[in-house]
Protein backbone atom coordinates (compact mmCIF):
# COMPACT_ATOMS: atom_id res chain seq x y z
CA UNK A 1 0.12 -0.31 0.16
CA UNK A 2 2.80 1.96 1.22
CA UNK A 3 4.86 1.50 -1.97
CA UNK A 4 1.99 1.95 -4.66
CA UNK A 5 1.48 5.81 -2.83
CA UNK A 6 5.06 6.52 -2.95
CA UNK A 7 4.67 5.50 -6.88
CA UNK A 8 1.81 7.42 -7.70
CA UNK A 9 2.61 10.87 -5.65
CA UNK A 10 6.08 9.94 -7.28
CA UNK A 11 5.03 9.62 -11.20
CA UNK A 12 4.13 12.16 -13.88
CA UNK A 13 3.59 15.65 -12.80
CA UNK A 14 -0.43 17.31 -13.83
CA UNK A 15 -0.04 19.44 -16.60
CA UNK A 16 -1.14 22.22 -14.99
CA UNK A 17 2.59 21.90 -13.06
CA UNK A 18 4.61 20.73 -16.30
CA UNK A 19 4.22 23.80 -18.24
CA UNK A 20 5.04 26.51 -15.90
CA UNK A 21 8.15 24.17 -14.90
CA UNK A 22 9.71 23.74 -18.41
CA UNK A 23 8.95 27.84 -18.90
CA UNK A 24 10.40 28.40 -15.69
CA UNK A 25 14.21 25.76 -17.28
CA UNK A 26 13.84 27.38 -20.08
CA UNK A 27 13.75 31.18 -19.29
CA UNK A 28 16.91 30.66 -16.82
CA UNK A 29 18.77 28.64 -19.30
CA UNK A 30 17.91 29.97 -22.67
CA UNK A 31 20.40 33.02 -22.07
CA UNK A 32 22.90 30.73 -20.79
CA UNK A 33 22.93 28.50 -24.21
CA UNK A 34 22.47 31.63 -25.99
CA UNK A 35 25.50 32.92 -24.48
CA UNK A 36 27.61 29.68 -25.60
CA UNK A 37 26.05 30.27 -28.92
CA UNK A 38 27.17 33.57 -29.69
CA UNK A 39 30.72 33.11 -28.65
CA UNK A 40 33.62 33.82 -30.83
CA UNK A 41 34.74 30.63 -30.50
CA UNK A 42 36.99 30.74 -34.00
CA UNK A 43 38.95 33.50 -31.93
CA UNK A 44 37.69 32.09 -28.18
CA UNK A 45 42.18 30.94 -27.70
CA UNK A 46 43.07 34.81 -29.03
CA UNK A 47 40.60 36.63 -27.22
CA UNK A 48 40.87 34.19 -23.45
CA UNK A 49 44.69 34.49 -23.95
CA UNK A 50 44.93 38.03 -24.32
CA UNK A 51 46.71 40.21 -21.97
CA UNK A 52 43.72 42.37 -21.27
CA UNK A 53 41.31 39.38 -19.82
CA UNK A 54 44.54 38.32 -17.86
CA UNK A 55 44.67 40.91 -16.18
CA UNK A 56 41.22 41.40 -14.97
CA UNK A 57 41.11 37.53 -14.63
CA UNK A 58 43.96 37.79 -12.22
CA UNK A 59 43.13 40.48 -10.32
CA UNK A 60 39.56 38.80 -9.91
CA UNK A 61 41.11 36.18 -8.25
CA UNK A 62 43.41 37.61 -6.27
CA UNK A 63 40.86 40.00 -4.49
CA UNK A 64 38.27 37.42 -4.98
CA UNK A 65 40.99 34.88 -2.79
CA UNK A 66 41.40 37.42 -0.02
CA UNK A 67 38.15 39.09 0.43
CA UNK A 68 37.38 35.29 1.37
CA UNK A 69 40.47 34.85 4.10
CA UNK A 70 39.61 38.08 5.33
CA UNK A 71 35.85 36.86 5.69
CA UNK A 72 36.69 33.41 7.57
CA UNK A 73 38.98 35.39 9.88
CA UNK A 74 36.14 37.31 10.61
CA UNK A 75 33.00 35.12 9.60
CA UNK A 76 34.03 31.86 11.52
CA UNK A 77 34.01 34.22 14.55
CA UNK A 78 30.58 36.17 13.97
CA UNK A 79 29.04 32.82 13.34
CA UNK A 80 30.11 31.21 16.42
CA UNK A 81 28.74 34.31 18.25
CA UNK A 82 24.99 33.99 16.64
CA UNK A 83 24.92 30.27 16.66
CA UNK A 84 26.57 30.13 20.48
CA UNK A 85 26.51 33.47 21.83
CA UNK A 86 23.68 34.32 24.60
CA UNK A 87 23.33 37.90 23.35
CA UNK A 88 20.50 40.16 23.85
CA UNK A 89 18.41 40.75 20.85
CA UNK A 90 20.74 38.01 19.19
CA UNK A 91 17.71 37.90 16.18
CA UNK A 92 18.06 41.18 15.16
CA UNK A 93 21.98 40.74 14.99
CA UNK A 94 21.26 37.87 12.67
CA UNK A 95 18.67 40.04 10.20
CA UNK A 96 21.44 42.99 10.18
CA UNK A 97 24.24 40.24 8.87
CA UNK A 98 22.96 39.05 6.50
CA UNK A 99 21.14 42.57 5.34
CA UNK A 100 23.97 42.44 2.23
CA UNK A 101 22.31 39.32 0.61
CA UNK A 102 19.10 41.54 -0.30
CA UNK A 103 20.74 45.29 0.01
CA UNK A 104 21.74 46.36 -3.69
CA UNK A 105 25.45 46.41 -4.23
CA UNK A 106 25.67 50.21 -5.22
CA UNK A 107 23.76 50.44 -1.81
CA UNK A 108 26.41 48.69 0.13
CA UNK A 109 29.31 50.60 -2.16
CA UNK A 110 28.08 54.10 -0.91
CA UNK A 111 27.58 52.86 2.38
CA UNK A 112 31.03 52.30 2.39
CA UNK A 113 32.14 55.26 1.17
CA UNK A 114 30.67 56.97 3.67
CA UNK A 115 32.00 55.11 6.18
CA UNK A 116 35.56 54.04 4.82
CA UNK A 117 35.72 57.10 1.99
CA UNK A 118 38.36 59.79 2.55
CA UNK A 119 35.70 61.99 3.84
CA UNK A 120 33.96 59.00 5.56
CA UNK A 121 33.87 58.27 9.14
CA UNK A 122 36.53 56.63 9.93
CA UNK A 123 38.68 56.47 6.65
CA UNK A 124 38.98 60.79 7.02
CA UNK A 125 41.01 59.36 10.08
CA UNK A 126 42.68 56.86 8.43
CA UNK A 127 43.93 59.43 5.77
CA UNK A 128 44.28 62.39 7.87
CA UNK A 129 46.97 59.84 10.68
CA UNK A 130 48.11 56.73 8.52
CA UNK A 131 48.09 59.10 4.58
CA UNK A 132 45.90 55.48 3.76
CA UNK A 133 43.07 55.35 1.38
CA UNK A 134 41.07 52.38 0.57
CA UNK A 135 38.84 53.74 -2.24
CA UNK A 136 40.03 53.34 -5.99
CA UNK A 137 42.53 50.81 -4.74
CA UNK A 138 43.40 47.15 -4.65
CA UNK A 139 42.34 47.16 -0.89
CA UNK A 140 38.90 48.85 -1.71
CA UNK A 141 37.98 45.92 -4.09
CA UNK A 142 39.14 43.26 -1.39
CA UNK A 143 37.47 45.06 1.36
CA UNK A 144 33.68 45.85 -0.96
CA UNK A 145 34.21 42.39 -1.99
CA UNK A 146 34.39 40.61 1.61
CA UNK A 147 31.23 43.37 2.77
CA UNK A 148 29.05 41.42 -0.21
CA UNK A 149 30.34 38.58 0.00
CA UNK A 150 30.47 37.35 4.05
CA UNK A 151 26.68 37.06 4.94
CA UNK A 152 27.45 33.96 2.82
CA UNK A 153 30.12 32.10 4.78
CA UNK A 154 28.16 33.17 8.56
CA UNK A 155 24.85 31.62 6.68
CA UNK A 156 26.74 28.58 6.27
CA UNK A 157 28.75 27.99 9.32
CA UNK A 158 26.05 29.27 11.58
CA UNK A 159 24.26 26.33 10.16
CA UNK A 160 26.91 24.21 10.65
CA UNK A 161 27.58 24.77 14.25
CA UNK A 162 24.05 24.44 14.78
CA UNK A 163 24.26 21.12 13.40
CA UNK A 164 27.45 19.68 14.59
CA UNK A 165 26.45 17.43 18.08
CA UNK A 166 28.13 19.32 21.59
CA UNK A 167 29.01 16.22 23.36
CA UNK A 168 32.10 16.30 21.79
CA UNK A 169 33.18 19.32 23.14
CA UNK A 170 31.46 18.69 26.34
CA UNK A 171 33.07 15.72 26.27
CA UNK A 172 36.82 17.95 25.18
CA UNK A 173 35.67 20.42 28.44
CA UNK A 174 35.02 17.81 30.73
CA UNK A 175 38.87 16.64 30.16
CA UNK A 176 40.51 19.66 30.29
CA UNK A 177 40.85 21.33 27.64
CA UNK A 178 40.36 25.18 27.57
CA UNK A 179 37.67 26.41 25.07
CA UNK A 180 40.15 27.56 22.17
CA UNK A 181 41.50 24.40 22.38
CA UNK A 182 38.30 22.56 22.17
CA UNK A 183 37.11 25.38 19.14
CA UNK A 184 40.43 24.75 17.11
CA UNK A 185 40.57 20.70 18.28
CA UNK A 186 36.67 19.75 18.49
CA UNK A 187 34.51 22.12 16.93
CA UNK A 188 36.33 23.47 13.57
CA UNK A 189 37.30 19.39 12.43
CA UNK A 190 33.32 18.64 13.22
CA UNK A 191 32.26 21.83 10.67
CA UNK A 192 34.22 21.91 8.19
CA UNK A 193 31.97 20.58 5.46
CA UNK A 194 30.21 23.60 6.20
CA UNK A 195 33.19 26.21 6.05
CA UNK A 196 34.26 24.44 2.87
CA UNK A 197 31.11 24.99 1.23
CA UNK A 198 30.88 28.79 3.18
CA UNK A 199 34.04 29.93 1.47
CA UNK A 200 33.16 28.37 -1.74
CA UNK A 201 30.12 30.34 -1.91
CA UNK A 202 31.97 33.38 -0.49
CA UNK A 203 34.47 33.48 -2.91
CA UNK A 204 31.83 32.61 -5.96
CA UNK A 205 30.01 35.79 -4.87
CA UNK A 206 33.37 37.91 -4.68
CA UNK A 207 34.31 36.75 -7.75
CA UNK A 208 31.36 37.85 -9.22
CA UNK A 209 30.73 41.73 -7.39
CA UNK A 210 30.19 44.57 -9.76
CA UNK A 211 28.44 47.61 -7.69
CA UNK A 212 29.81 47.80 -4.21
CA UNK A 213 33.56 47.48 -6.11
CA UNK A 214 32.57 50.26 -8.89
CA UNK A 215 31.15 52.33 -6.34
CA UNK A 216 33.42 52.25 -4.09
CA UNK A 217 36.82 50.69 -5.81
CA UNK A 218 36.02 52.46 -9.13
CA UNK A 219 36.82 51.41 -11.88
CA UNK A 220 40.72 52.34 -12.87
CA UNK A 221 41.99 49.72 -15.47
CA UNK A 222 44.77 47.10 -14.88
CA UNK A 223 44.10 48.71 -11.09
CA UNK A 224 40.31 47.85 -9.69
CA UNK A 225 38.93 45.99 -13.06
CA UNK A 226 37.89 42.80 -11.75
CA UNK A 227 36.59 40.46 -14.62
CA UNK A 228 32.46 41.71 -14.00
CA UNK A 229 33.97 45.46 -14.62
CA UNK A 230 35.95 44.25 -17.91
CA UNK A 231 32.37 42.66 -19.05
CA UNK A 232 30.90 45.93 -18.52
CA UNK A 233 33.83 48.17 -20.59
CA UNK A 234 33.82 45.60 -23.08
CA UNK A 235 30.16 45.70 -23.75
CA UNK A 236 30.65 49.37 -24.75
CA UNK A 237 34.44 48.36 -27.46
CA UNK A 238 34.57 44.60 -27.67
CA UNK A 239 31.24 42.74 -27.46
CA UNK A 240 33.33 39.86 -28.16
CA UNK A 241 35.07 40.61 -25.11
CA UNK A 242 32.53 40.61 -22.78
CA UNK A 243 31.25 37.25 -24.14
CA UNK A 244 34.70 35.60 -23.26
CA UNK A 245 35.16 37.47 -20.21
CA UNK A 246 31.09 36.22 -19.05
CA UNK A 247 32.44 32.24 -20.57
CA UNK A 248 35.10 32.53 -17.95
CA UNK A 249 32.41 33.61 -15.47
CA UNK A 250 29.94 31.44 -15.84
CA UNK A 251 32.50 28.52 -16.23
CA UNK A 252 33.67 29.38 -12.75
CA UNK A 253 30.17 29.67 -11.44
CA UNK A 254 29.26 25.75 -12.85
CA UNK A 255 32.08 24.43 -11.30
CA UNK A 256 31.41 26.24 -7.98
CA UNK A 257 27.90 24.79 -8.06
CA UNK A 258 28.80 21.10 -8.81
CA UNK A 259 31.80 21.28 -6.37
CA UNK A 260 28.59 22.33 -3.45
CA UNK A 261 26.41 19.45 -5.40
CA UNK A 262 26.80 16.74 -3.34
CA UNK A 263 26.48 18.29 0.25
CA UNK A 264 23.25 20.11 -1.14
CA UNK A 265 21.55 16.98 -1.92
CA UNK A 266 23.47 15.22 1.12
CA UNK A 267 21.05 17.72 3.27
CA UNK A 268 18.24 17.55 1.43
CA UNK A 269 18.18 13.70 2.23
């Protein structure tokens, strides 16, 4: 009886659901297919290995990796605080941490300018006391990408911390291990898959960041022009280069999603 019910519910979809599902699939895939169809395959190798593409790609990889490291250093303790800390108003803090997920990136860039710009609340002091300015620099690109990407890491790590069995940490504390030792030797290894998934998503989001980067760090060719910004510039001068750059970003996105596929499927079972 049960097996028959399962068979009946997992059979053909009703037409009223199947047609919208197919249209939704086409809506998501056709633009990507169009990108592949319109790609300049005959000149792809020469364009892919051009100095312009490699400069933007190298800058993007370096900045996305540095932003991910920054997010790991700040995001893991923040996720631990949200998951294990007894804080008043923790729900509000969690909501504020995840605001960059829904905030328009350009607004995030404006906020960074108002705080870290040369006339910002903190940036003015940095410029006055240390002669250091973040806007329109590689460091500014890293800060902008980390601001937008960190919530992805925090959410993944917090979820892993909440799912981890606290009995191992309690056993380590019973054996005399301090909190820092317990965190390094017990907690971190147990949440390593969640940290890895969060770091990969964080890196991919940083790699594709556009709005906050162009607002806070500018679009200086060879200095702050990352891959998304190079696509924006190329659309005005050489659309075929824009397609090539877009293909590279598409390939990176597919690799990232494929690497996390098993973890997502495992979490749904």
